[in-house]
Amino acid sequence: MNFWESLEKAHLASSLHSEVYKARSKHSGSIVALKKILLHNEKDGFPITALREIKLLKVLSHTNIIRLEEMAVERSRGEGRKKPSMYMVTPYMEHDLAGLLENPNVHLTEPQIKCYMLQLLEGLRYLHQNNILHRDMKAANLLISNRGILQIADFGLARPYDGHPPAPGKGGGEAVRDYTSLV
């Protein structure tokens, strides 16, 4: 982690398997997001969600999909046998859609909404053309830069899809709620 300088108020977000921090590259001066992959139980090994996300982001390349710039490792110092910390390095995006929608001082205009919608659909089209299902689409996973660029993020639950796509106009099949049979 000698290449990254943590910034003041750097903690951006947390989830079950990760923490996200804002940092500056000591080499280029660019601002990035460092997603620290949390290892809760040493016996469980590297989280499968992080492995899936890294694998997918390495091959995806689209303006509206967050880019994995590199992986970084922070080796522990000292006598202990502490495991190194792993970080995913992505471009820093100033906002997420959930934060903008919750902010009473932000009033999105119709042209802005259309612009974000178009970018979201372009990103989804790219994913679906590449047989990828995101499976965790929500406002918090839609990151937006100060320049108005929207990028889809958080691919921990994403999966490749190799089945037949539904026929146009036929829907996705019959909906079944198996859990209702337990009531």
N, C-alpha and C. Protein backbone atom coordinates (compact mmCIF):
# COMPACT_ATOMS: atom_id res chain seq x y z
N MET A 1 0.82 -1.19 0.00
CA MET A 1 0.00 0.00 0.00
C MET A 1 0.87 1.25 0.00
N ASN A 2 2.14 1.10 -0.28
CA ASN A 2 3.04 2.25 -0.35
C ASN A 2 2.70 3.18 -1.49
N PHE A 3 1.89 2.71 -2.43
CA PHE A 3 1.57 3.50 -3.61
C PHE A 3 0.33 4.37 -3.41
N TRP A 4 -0.36 4.21 -2.29
CA TRP A 4 -1.62 4.92 -2.07
C TRP A 4 -1.58 5.69 -0.77
N GLU A 5 -2.11 6.89 -0.81
CA GLU A 5 -2.20 7.74 0.37
C GLU A 5 -3.66 7.88 0.75
N SER A 6 -4.00 7.46 1.97
CA SER A 6 -5.38 7.57 2.43
C SER A 6 -5.72 9.04 2.62
N LEU A 7 -6.93 9.41 2.26
CA LEU A 7 -7.36 10.80 2.35
C LEU A 7 -8.22 11.03 3.58
N GLU A 8 -8.27 12.28 4.04
CA GLU A 8 -9.09 12.64 5.18
C GLU A 8 -10.55 12.28 4.91
N LYS A 9 -11.25 11.80 5.93
CA LYS A 9 -12.63 11.34 5.77
C LYS A 9 -12.71 10.33 4.63
N ALA A 10 -11.78 9.39 4.64
CA ALA A 10 -11.61 8.49 3.50
C ALA A 10 -12.60 7.34 3.47
N HIS A 11 -13.22 6.98 4.59
CA HIS A 11 -14.13 5.83 4.59
C HIS A 11 -15.41 6.19 3.84
N LEU A 12 -15.70 5.44 2.78
CA LEU A 12 -16.86 5.73 1.92
C LEU A 12 -18.04 4.82 2.18
N ALA A 13 -17.79 3.53 2.39
CA ALA A 13 -18.90 2.58 2.53
C ALA A 13 -18.40 1.29 3.17
N SER A 14 -19.34 0.51 3.69
CA SER A 14 -19.04 -0.80 4.27
C SER A 14 -20.12 -1.78 3.90
N SER A 15 -19.73 -3.03 3.80
CA SER A 15 -20.69 -4.11 3.61
C SER A 15 -20.18 -5.31 4.39
N LEU A 16 -20.86 -6.41 4.27
CA LEU A 16 -20.47 -7.62 4.99
C LEU A 16 -19.06 -8.07 4.62
N HIS A 17 -18.70 -7.94 3.33
CA HIS A 17 -17.43 -8.49 2.85
C HIS A 17 -16.40 -7.45 2.48
N SER A 18 -16.72 -6.14 2.62
CA SER A 18 -15.75 -5.14 2.17
C SER A 18 -15.95 -3.79 2.86
N GLU A 19 -14.89 -2.99 2.77
CA GLU A 19 -14.92 -1.59 3.19
C GLU A 19 -14.31 -0.80 2.04
N VAL A 20 -14.88 0.38 1.75
CA VAL A 20 -14.39 1.18 0.63
C VAL A 20 -13.83 2.49 1.16
N TYR A 21 -12.61 2.82 0.68
CA TYR A 21 -11.92 4.03 1.11
C TYR A 21 -11.53 4.87 -0.10
N LYS A 22 -11.43 6.17 0.14
CA LYS A 22 -10.95 7.11 -0.87
C LYS A 22 -9.45 7.28 -0.66
N ALA A 23 -8.68 7.25 -1.75
CA ALA A 23 -7.22 7.38 -1.64
C ALA A 23 -6.67 8.11 -2.86
N ARG A 24 -5.41 8.53 -2.73
CA ARG A 24 -4.73 9.19 -3.83
C ARG A 24 -3.50 8.35 -4.21
N SER A 25 -3.30 8.19 -5.51
CA SER A 25 -2.13 7.49 -6.00
C SER A 25 -0.90 8.38 -5.78
N LYS A 26 0.12 7.87 -5.11
CA LYS A 26 1.35 8.63 -4.91
C LYS A 26 2.10 8.79 -6.22
N HIS A 27 1.85 7.89 -7.16
CA HIS A 27 2.55 7.92 -8.45
C HIS A 27 1.92 8.93 -9.41
N SER A 28 0.60 8.84 -9.61
CA SER A 28 -0.06 9.68 -10.62
C SER A 28 -0.83 10.86 -10.02
N GLY A 29 -1.13 10.80 -8.73
CA GLY A 29 -1.93 11.84 -8.09
C GLY A 29 -3.43 11.67 -8.29
N SER A 30 -3.84 10.63 -9.01
CA SER A 30 -5.27 10.43 -9.26
C SER A 30 -5.97 9.93 -8.00
N ILE A 31 -7.25 10.28 -7.89
CA ILE A 31 -8.08 9.85 -6.77
C ILE A 31 -8.74 8.53 -7.16
N VAL A 32 -8.69 7.56 -6.26
CA VAL A 32 -9.26 6.24 -6.53
C VAL A 32 -10.09 5.79 -5.33
N ALA A 33 -10.83 4.72 -5.54
CA ALA A 33 -11.54 4.03 -4.46
C ALA A 33 -10.81 2.72 -4.21
N LEU A 34 -10.52 2.44 -2.95
CA LEU A 34 -9.89 1.18 -2.56
C LEU A 34 -10.93 0.35 -1.84
N LYS A 35 -11.28 -0.79 -2.42
CA LYS A 35 -12.26 -1.68 -1.81
C LYS A 35 -11.49 -2.78 -1.09
N LYS A 36 -11.45 -2.69 0.25
CA LYS A 36 -10.74 -3.67 1.06
C LYS A 36 -11.61 -4.90 1.23
N ILE A 37 -11.07 -6.04 0.88
CA ILE A 37 -11.81 -7.30 0.99
C ILE A 37 -11.58 -7.86 2.39
N LEU A 38 -12.67 -8.00 3.14
CA LEU A 38 -12.58 -8.44 4.53
C LEU A 38 -12.55 -9.96 4.61
N LEU A 39 -11.62 -10.47 5.40
CA LEU A 39 -11.52 -11.91 5.64
C LEU A 39 -11.95 -12.14 7.08
N HIS A 40 -13.21 -12.53 7.26
CA HIS A 40 -13.76 -12.70 8.61
C HIS A 40 -13.25 -13.96 9.29
N ASN A 41 -13.13 -15.02 8.54
CA ASN A 41 -12.73 -16.29 9.13
C ASN A 41 -11.62 -16.87 8.26
N GLU A 42 -10.46 -17.01 8.83
CA GLU A 42 -9.30 -17.49 8.09
C GLU A 42 -9.56 -18.85 7.43
N LYS A 43 -10.36 -19.69 8.07
CA LYS A 43 -10.65 -21.02 7.53
C LYS A 43 -11.47 -20.96 6.26
N ASP A 44 -12.30 -19.91 6.13
CA ASP A 44 -13.16 -19.78 4.95
C ASP A 44 -12.38 -19.36 3.71
N GLY A 45 -11.20 -18.81 3.90
CA GLY A 45 -10.40 -18.36 2.77
C GLY A 45 -10.93 -17.07 2.16
N PHE A 46 -10.55 -16.84 0.92
CA PHE A 46 -10.91 -15.61 0.21
C PHE A 46 -12.40 -15.66 -0.14
N PRO A 47 -13.16 -14.59 0.14
CA PRO A 47 -14.61 -14.61 -0.11
C PRO A 47 -14.95 -14.87 -1.58
N ILE A 48 -15.86 -15.80 -1.82
CA ILE A 48 -16.24 -16.16 -3.18
C ILE A 48 -16.87 -14.98 -3.91
N THR A 49 -17.59 -14.12 -3.19
CA THR A 49 -18.20 -12.96 -3.84
C THR A 49 -17.12 -12.03 -4.39
N ALA A 50 -16.05 -11.83 -3.64
CA ALA A 50 -14.95 -10.98 -4.11
C ALA A 50 -14.25 -11.62 -5.30
N LEU A 51 -14.06 -12.92 -5.23
CA LEU A 51 -13.42 -13.64 -6.34
C LEU A 51 -14.24 -13.51 -7.62
N ARG A 52 -15.56 -13.69 -7.51
CA ARG A 52 -16.43 -13.54 -8.68
C ARG A 52 -16.37 -12.12 -9.23
N GLU A 53 -16.41 -11.14 -8.33
CA GLU A 53 -16.39 -9.74 -8.76
C GLU A 53 -15.09 -9.43 -9.51
N ILE A 54 -13.97 -9.85 -8.97
CA ILE A 54 -12.67 -9.60 -9.61
C ILE A 54 -12.61 -10.27 -10.97
N LYS A 55 -13.03 -11.53 -11.02
CA LYS A 55 -13.00 -12.29 -12.28
C LYS A 55 -13.83 -11.59 -13.36
N LEU A 56 -15.03 -11.13 -13.01
CA LEU A 56 -15.89 -10.45 -13.99
C LEU A 56 -15.32 -9.09 -14.39
N LEU A 57 -14.91 -8.30 -13.42
CA LEU A 57 -14.44 -6.95 -13.73
C LEU A 57 -13.15 -6.96 -14.56
N LYS A 58 -12.38 -8.03 -14.47
CA LYS A 58 -11.17 -8.13 -15.29
C LYS A 58 -11.49 -8.21 -16.78
N VAL A 59 -12.65 -8.77 -17.12
CA VAL A 59 -12.98 -8.95 -18.55
C VAL A 59 -13.98 -7.93 -19.07
N LEU A 60 -14.70 -7.25 -18.18
CA LEU A 60 -15.70 -6.28 -18.63
C LEU A 60 -15.03 -4.94 -18.94
N SER A 61 -15.47 -4.31 -20.03
CA SER A 61 -14.92 -3.02 -20.42
C SER A 61 -16.01 -2.20 -21.10
N HIS A 62 -16.59 -1.27 -20.35
CA HIS A 62 -17.66 -0.42 -20.88
C HIS A 62 -17.70 0.87 -20.07
N THR A 63 -18.05 1.95 -20.72
CA THR A 63 -18.11 3.27 -20.08
C THR A 63 -19.01 3.27 -18.85
N ASN A 64 -20.05 2.46 -18.85
CA ASN A 64 -21.02 2.49 -17.76
C ASN A 64 -20.88 1.31 -16.80
N ILE A 65 -19.72 0.67 -16.81
CA ILE A 65 -19.38 -0.40 -15.86
C ILE A 65 -18.12 0.03 -15.13
N ILE A 66 -18.12 -0.05 -13.81
CA ILE A 66 -16.94 0.36 -13.04
C ILE A 66 -15.74 -0.46 -13.50
N ARG A 67 -14.59 0.18 -13.61
CA ARG A 67 -13.38 -0.47 -14.12
C ARG A 67 -12.48 -0.89 -12.95
N LEU A 68 -12.01 -2.12 -12.98
CA LEU A 68 -11.03 -2.58 -12.00
C LEU A 68 -9.66 -2.19 -12.55
N GLU A 69 -9.03 -1.20 -11.92
CA GLU A 69 -7.75 -0.72 -12.41
C GLU A 69 -6.61 -1.65 -12.03
N GLU A 70 -6.66 -2.15 -10.80
CA GLU A 70 -5.63 -3.09 -10.36
C GLU A 70 -6.03 -3.67 -9.01
N MET A 71 -5.24 -4.63 -8.58
CA MET A 71 -5.37 -5.19 -7.24
C MET A 71 -4.15 -4.74 -6.44
N ALA A 72 -4.35 -4.44 -5.17
CA ALA A 72 -3.25 -4.01 -4.31
C ALA A 72 -3.24 -4.89 -3.06
N VAL A 73 -2.04 -5.12 -2.54
CA VAL A 73 -1.87 -5.95 -1.34
C VAL A 73 -1.14 -5.12 -0.29
N GLU A 74 -1.67 -5.15 0.93
CA GLU A 74 -1.01 -4.50 2.06
C GLU A 74 -0.50 -5.61 2.97
N ARG A 75 0.80 -5.72 3.04
CA ARG A 75 1.40 -6.76 3.89
C ARG A 75 1.52 -6.21 5.31
N SER A 76 1.18 -7.06 6.27
CA SER A 76 1.24 -6.61 7.67
C SER A 76 2.69 -6.48 8.12
N ARG A 77 2.90 -5.54 9.01
CA ARG A 77 4.24 -5.35 9.57
C ARG A 77 4.23 -5.87 11.00
N GLY A 78 5.34 -6.40 11.43
CA GLY A 78 5.41 -6.86 12.81
C GLY A 78 5.63 -8.35 12.88
N GLU A 79 5.50 -8.88 14.07
CA GLU A 79 5.82 -10.27 14.36
C GLU A 79 4.70 -11.25 14.05
N GLY A 80 3.45 -10.79 14.08
CA GLY A 80 2.31 -11.69 13.94
C GLY A 80 2.22 -12.35 12.57
N ARG A 81 1.40 -13.39 12.48
CA ARG A 81 1.19 -14.09 11.22
C ARG A 81 -0.09 -13.59 10.57
N LYS A 82 -0.31 -12.31 10.65
CA LYS A 82 -1.52 -11.71 10.09
C LYS A 82 -1.49 -11.82 8.57
N LYS A 83 -2.65 -12.16 8.01
CA LYS A 83 -2.76 -12.27 6.55
C LYS A 83 -2.69 -10.89 5.92
N PRO A 84 -2.18 -10.80 4.70
CA PRO A 84 -2.17 -9.50 4.02
C PRO A 84 -3.59 -9.07 3.66
N SER A 85 -3.79 -7.76 3.57
CA SER A 85 -5.09 -7.21 3.16
C SER A 85 -5.09 -7.02 1.65
N MET A 86 -6.21 -7.37 1.02
CA MET A 86 -6.35 -7.24 -0.43
C MET A 86 -7.29 -6.08 -0.73
N TYR A 87 -6.95 -5.31 -1.76
CA TYR A 87 -7.76 -4.16 -2.17
C TYR A 87 -8.02 -4.21 -3.66
N MET A 88 -9.24 -3.89 -4.04
CA MET A 88 -9.58 -3.67 -5.44
C MET A 88 -9.49 -2.17 -5.67
N VAL A 89 -8.77 -1.76 -6.71
CA VAL A 89 -8.59 -0.34 -7.01
C VAL A 89 -9.47 0.02 -8.20
N THR A 90 -10.40 0.96 -7.99
CA THR A 90 -11.31 1.40 -9.05
C THR A 90 -11.28 2.93 -9.10
N PRO A 91 -11.78 3.51 -10.19
CA PRO A 91 -11.87 4.97 -10.23
C PRO A 91 -12.78 5.47 -9.11
N TYR A 92 -12.48 6.64 -8.59
CA TYR A 92 -13.32 7.24 -7.55
C TYR A 92 -14.52 7.91 -8.21
N MET A 93 -15.70 7.58 -7.72
CA MET A 93 -16.94 8.20 -8.19
C MET A 93 -17.51 8.97 -7.01
N GLU A 94 -17.85 10.23 -7.23
CA GLU A 94 -18.22 11.12 -6.14
C GLU A 94 -19.55 10.79 -5.46
N HIS A 95 -20.47 10.16 -6.18
CA HIS A 95 -21.82 9.95 -5.65
C HIS A 95 -22.32 8.55 -5.98
N ASP A 96 -23.34 8.13 -5.24
CA ASP A 96 -24.15 6.99 -5.68
C ASP A 96 -25.58 7.51 -5.80
N LEU A 97 -26.38 6.84 -6.62
CA LEU A 97 -27.73 7.33 -6.88
C LEU A 97 -28.57 7.37 -5.61
N ALA A 98 -28.38 6.40 -4.72
CA ALA A 98 -29.15 6.38 -3.47
C ALA A 98 -28.90 7.65 -2.66
N GLY A 99 -27.65 8.06 -2.55
CA GLY A 99 -27.31 9.27 -1.81
C GLY A 99 -27.91 10.51 -2.43
N LEU A 100 -27.90 10.58 -3.77
CA LEU A 100 -28.50 11.73 -4.45
C LEU A 100 -30.01 11.78 -4.22
N LEU A 101 -30.65 10.62 -4.30
CA LEU A 101 -32.11 10.57 -4.13
C LEU A 101 -32.53 10.91 -2.70
N GLU A 102 -31.69 10.55 -1.73
CA GLU A 102 -32.01 10.81 -0.32
C GLU A 102 -31.71 12.25 0.10
N ASN A 103 -30.91 12.96 -0.69
CA ASN A 103 -30.51 14.32 -0.33
C ASN A 103 -31.62 15.31 -0.69
N PRO A 104 -32.22 15.98 0.30
CA PRO A 104 -33.32 16.91 0.00
C PRO A 104 -32.87 18.14 -0.79
N ASN A 105 -31.56 18.41 -0.83
CA ASN A 105 -31.04 19.56 -1.57
C ASN A 105 -30.79 19.24 -3.04
N VAL A 106 -30.89 17.97 -3.41
CA VAL A 106 -30.65 17.57 -4.81
C VAL A 106 -32.00 17.35 -5.48
N HIS A 107 -32.22 18.06 -6.56
CA HIS A 107 -33.45 17.92 -7.34
C HIS A 107 -33.05 17.58 -8.77
N LEU A 108 -33.17 16.30 -9.12
CA LEU A 108 -32.80 15.87 -10.46
C LEU A 108 -33.82 16.38 -11.46
N THR A 109 -33.32 16.92 -12.56
CA THR A 109 -34.20 17.41 -13.61
C THR A 109 -34.57 16.26 -14.53
N GLU A 110 -35.60 16.44 -15.32
CA GLU A 110 -36.00 15.40 -16.26
C GLU A 110 -34.86 15.05 -17.23
N PRO A 111 -34.13 16.03 -17.79
CA PRO A 111 -33.00 15.67 -18.66
C PRO A 111 -31.91 14.87 -17.93
N GLN A 112 -31.64 15.19 -16.65
CA GLN A 112 -30.66 14.41 -15.89
C GLN A 112 -31.14 12.97 -15.70
N ILE A 113 -32.41 12.82 -15.35
CA ILE A 113 -32.98 11.48 -15.15
C ILE A 113 -32.89 10.68 -16.44
N LYS A 114 -33.22 11.30 -17.56
CA LYS A 114 -33.13 10.61 -18.86
C LYS A 114 -31.69 10.21 -19.16
N CYS A 115 -30.76 11.11 -18.86
CA CYS A 115 -29.34 10.83 -19.10
C CYS A 115 -28.87 9.64 -18.26
N TYR A 116 -29.21 9.62 -16.97
CA TYR A 116 -28.83 8.51 -16.10
C TYR A 116 -29.51 7.22 -16.54
N MET A 117 -30.76 7.31 -16.93
CA MET A 117 -31.50 6.12 -17.38
C MET A 117 -30.85 5.53 -18.63
N LEU A 118 -30.49 6.39 -19.58
CA LEU A 118 -29.84 5.93 -20.80
C LEU A 118 -28.52 5.22 -20.48
N GLN A 119 -27.73 5.81 -19.59
CA GLN A 119 -26.45 5.20 -19.23
C GLN A 119 -26.64 3.87 -18.51
N LEU A 120 -27.64 3.80 -17.64
CA LEU A 120 -27.95 2.55 -16.94
C LEU A 120 -28.34 1.47 -17.95
N LEU A 121 -29.21 1.82 -18.89
CA LEU A 121 -29.65 0.84 -19.89
C LEU A 121 -28.52 0.42 -20.82
N GLU A 122 -27.62 1.35 -21.16
CA GLU A 122 -26.46 1.00 -21.98
C GLU A 122 -25.57 0.00 -21.24
N GLY A 123 -25.34 0.25 -19.95
CA GLY A 123 -24.54 -0.68 -19.15
C GLY A 123 -25.20 -2.04 -19.03
N LEU A 124 -26.51 -2.05 -18.79
CA LEU A 124 -27.24 -3.33 -18.71
C LEU A 124 -27.23 -4.07 -20.03
N ARG A 125 -27.38 -3.34 -21.13
CA ARG A 125 -27.34 -3.99 -22.44
C ARG A 125 -25.98 -4.67 -22.65
N TYR A 126 -24.91 -3.97 -22.29
CA TYR A 126 -23.57 -4.54 -22.42
C TYR A 126 -23.45 -5.82 -21.58
N LEU A 127 -23.92 -5.75 -20.32
CA LEU A 127 -23.85 -6.93 -19.46
C LEU A 127 -24.63 -8.09 -20.06
N HIS A 128 -25.86 -7.82 -20.50
CA HIS A 128 -26.71 -8.89 -21.02
C HIS A 128 -26.20 -9.42 -22.36
N GLN A 129 -25.60 -8.56 -23.18
CA GLN A 129 -24.99 -9.05 -24.43
C GLN A 129 -23.82 -9.98 -24.13
N ASN A 130 -23.21 -9.79 -22.97
CA ASN A 130 -22.11 -10.65 -22.55
C ASN A 130 -22.56 -11.73 -21.57
N ASN A 131 -23.88 -11.96 -21.52
CA ASN A 131 -24.48 -13.02 -20.70
C ASN A 131 -24.12 -12.92 -19.22
N ILE A 132 -24.16 -11.69 -18.70
CA ILE A 132 -23.90 -11.45 -17.28
C ILE A 132 -25.17 -10.90 -16.65
N LEU A 133 -25.59 -11.51 -15.53
CA LEU A 133 -26.70 -11.01 -14.73
C LEU A 133 -26.12 -10.37 -13.48
N HIS A 134 -26.41 -9.10 -13.23
CA HIS A 134 -25.85 -8.37 -12.10
C HIS A 134 -26.39 -8.89 -10.77
N ARG A 135 -27.70 -9.06 -10.65
CA ARG A 135 -28.40 -9.65 -9.52
C ARG A 135 -28.39 -8.83 -8.23
N ASP A 136 -27.88 -7.60 -8.27
CA ASP A 136 -27.93 -6.74 -7.09
C ASP A 136 -28.10 -5.28 -7.52
N MET A 137 -28.97 -5.09 -8.51
CA MET A 137 -29.18 -3.75 -9.06
C MET A 137 -30.01 -2.93 -8.08
N LYS A 138 -29.41 -1.87 -7.57
CA LYS A 138 -30.09 -0.94 -6.67
C LYS A 138 -29.38 0.40 -6.75
N ALA A 139 -30.04 1.43 -6.26
CA ALA A 139 -29.52 2.79 -6.39
C ALA A 139 -28.13 2.95 -5.76
N ALA A 140 -27.85 2.24 -4.68
CA ALA A 140 -26.55 2.34 -4.02
C ALA A 140 -25.42 1.78 -4.88
N ASN A 141 -25.74 0.92 -5.84
CA ASN A 141 -24.73 0.33 -6.71
C ASN A 141 -24.60 1.05 -8.05
N LEU A 142 -25.26 2.18 -8.17
CA LEU A 142 -25.14 3.02 -9.37
C LEU A 142 -24.35 4.25 -8.97
N LEU A 143 -23.10 4.30 -9.39
CA LEU A 143 -22.19 5.37 -9.01
C LEU A 143 -22.21 6.46 -10.07
N ILE A 144 -22.12 7.71 -9.64
CA ILE A 144 -22.21 8.84 -10.56
C ILE A 144 -21.08 9.82 -10.26
N SER A 145 -20.35 10.20 -11.31
CA SER A 145 -19.27 11.17 -11.16
C SER A 145 -19.82 12.59 -11.20
N ASN A 146 -18.99 13.54 -10.82
CA ASN A 146 -19.40 14.95 -10.89
C ASN A 146 -19.61 15.40 -12.34
N ARG A 147 -19.09 14.65 -13.29
CA ARG A 147 -19.29 14.96 -14.71
C ARG A 147 -20.57 14.33 -15.25
N GLY A 148 -21.31 13.60 -14.41
CA GLY A 148 -22.58 13.02 -14.83
C GLY A 148 -22.47 11.64 -15.45
N ILE A 149 -21.32 10.98 -15.30
CA ILE A 149 -21.15 9.63 -15.82
C ILE A 149 -21.65 8.63 -14.79
N LEU A 150 -22.55 7.74 -15.21
CA LEU A 150 -23.09 6.70 -14.34
C LEU A 150 -22.37 5.39 -14.63
N GLN A 151 -21.97 4.69 -13.57
CA GLN A 151 -21.34 3.38 -13.72
C GLN A 151 -21.98 2.39 -12.76
N ILE A 152 -22.22 1.20 -13.28
CA ILE A 152 -22.76 0.10 -12.47
C ILE A 152 -21.61 -0.52 -11.69
N ALA A 153 -21.81 -0.74 -10.38
CA ALA A 153 -20.76 -1.27 -9.52
C ALA A 153 -21.29 -2.44 -8.70
N ASP A 154 -20.40 -3.03 -7.93
CA ASP A 154 -20.69 -4.13 -6.99
C ASP A 154 -21.18 -5.38 -7.72
N PHE A 155 -20.23 -6.14 -8.23
CA PHE A 155 -20.53 -7.34 -8.99
C PHE A 155 -20.34 -8.61 -8.17
N GLY A 156 -20.41 -8.50 -6.84
CA GLY A 156 -20.22 -9.67 -5.98
C GLY A 156 -21.27 -10.75 -6.15
N LEU A 157 -22.49 -10.38 -6.51
CA LEU A 157 -23.56 -11.36 -6.72
C LEU A 157 -23.79 -11.69 -8.19
N ALA A 158 -23.05 -11.04 -9.08
CA ALA A 158 -23.24 -11.23 -10.52
C ALA A 158 -22.86 -12.66 -10.93
N ARG A 159 -23.52 -13.13 -11.97
CA ARG A 159 -23.26 -14.48 -12.48
C ARG A 159 -23.31 -14.49 -14.00
N PRO A 160 -22.48 -15.33 -14.60
CA PRO A 160 -22.64 -15.58 -16.04
C PRO A 160 -23.95 -16.34 -16.25
N TYR A 161 -24.61 -16.06 -17.35
CA TYR A 161 -25.87 -16.73 -17.67
C TYR A 161 -25.68 -17.47 -18.98
N ASP A 162 -25.88 -18.78 -18.96
CA ASP A 162 -25.67 -19.55 -20.19
C ASP A 162 -26.94 -20.22 -20.70
N GLY A 163 -28.08 -19.89 -20.10
CA GLY A 163 -29.35 -20.45 -20.56
C GLY A 163 -29.87 -19.74 -21.80
N HIS A 164 -30.99 -20.20 -22.30
CA HIS A 164 -31.61 -19.56 -23.45
C HIS A 164 -32.32 -18.29 -23.02
N PRO A 165 -32.12 -17.19 -23.74
CA PRO A 165 -32.84 -15.97 -23.38
C PRO A 165 -34.33 -16.13 -23.68
N PRO A 166 -35.20 -15.45 -22.92
CA PRO A 166 -36.63 -15.55 -23.19
C PRO A 166 -36.96 -15.01 -24.57
N ALA A 167 -37.94 -15.61 -25.22
CA ALA A 167 -38.38 -15.13 -26.54
C ALA A 167 -39.07 -13.78 -26.37
N PRO A 168 -38.84 -12.85 -27.30
CA PRO A 168 -39.48 -11.54 -27.19
C PRO A 168 -41.00 -11.67 -27.08
N GLY A 169 -41.57 -10.96 -26.12
CA GLY A 169 -43.01 -10.96 -25.92
C GLY A 169 -43.54 -12.14 -25.13
N LYS A 170 -42.66 -13.06 -24.77
CA LYS A 170 -43.09 -14.27 -24.06
C LYS A 170 -42.77 -14.22 -22.56
N GLY A 171 -42.08 -13.19 -22.11
CA GLY A 171 -41.74 -13.10 -20.70
C GLY A 171 -40.62 -14.05 -20.34
N GLY A 172 -40.36 -14.16 -19.07
CA GLY A 172 -39.26 -14.99 -18.60
C GLY A 172 -39.70 -16.35 -18.11
N GLY A 173 -40.91 -16.74 -18.35
CA GLY A 173 -41.39 -18.04 -17.88
C GLY A 173 -42.40 -17.87 -16.78
N GLU A 174 -42.80 -18.99 -16.20
CA GLU A 174 -43.81 -18.99 -15.15
C GLU A 174 -43.18 -18.63 -13.81
N ALA A 175 -43.79 -17.72 -13.10
CA ALA A 175 -43.30 -17.35 -11.77
C ALA A 175 -43.83 -18.36 -10.76
N VAL A 176 -42.94 -18.89 -9.95
CA VAL A 176 -43.32 -19.87 -8.94
C VAL A 176 -42.75 -19.42 -7.60
N ARG A 177 -43.58 -19.42 -6.59
CA ARG A 177 -43.13 -19.07 -5.25
C ARG A 177 -43.12 -20.34 -4.41
N ASP A 178 -42.00 -21.02 -4.42
CA ASP A 178 -41.90 -22.27 -3.68
C ASP A 178 -42.10 -22.08 -2.18
N TYR A 179 -41.69 -20.94 -1.66
CA TYR A 179 -41.80 -20.73 -0.22
C TYR A 179 -43.25 -20.68 0.25
N THR A 180 -44.20 -20.35 -0.63
CA THR A 180 -45.60 -20.29 -0.21
C THR A 180 -46.16 -21.68 0.08
N SER A 181 -45.55 -22.69 -0.47
CA SER A 181 -46.04 -24.05 -0.21
C SER A 181 -45.74 -24.48 1.23
N LEU A 182 -44.86 -23.75 1.90
CA LEU A 182 -44.51 -24.08 3.28
C LEU A 182 -45.50 -23.52 4.28
N VAL A 183 -46.35 -22.60 3.84
CA VAL A 183 -47.28 -21.92 4.76
C VAL A 183 -48.49 -22.78 5.03
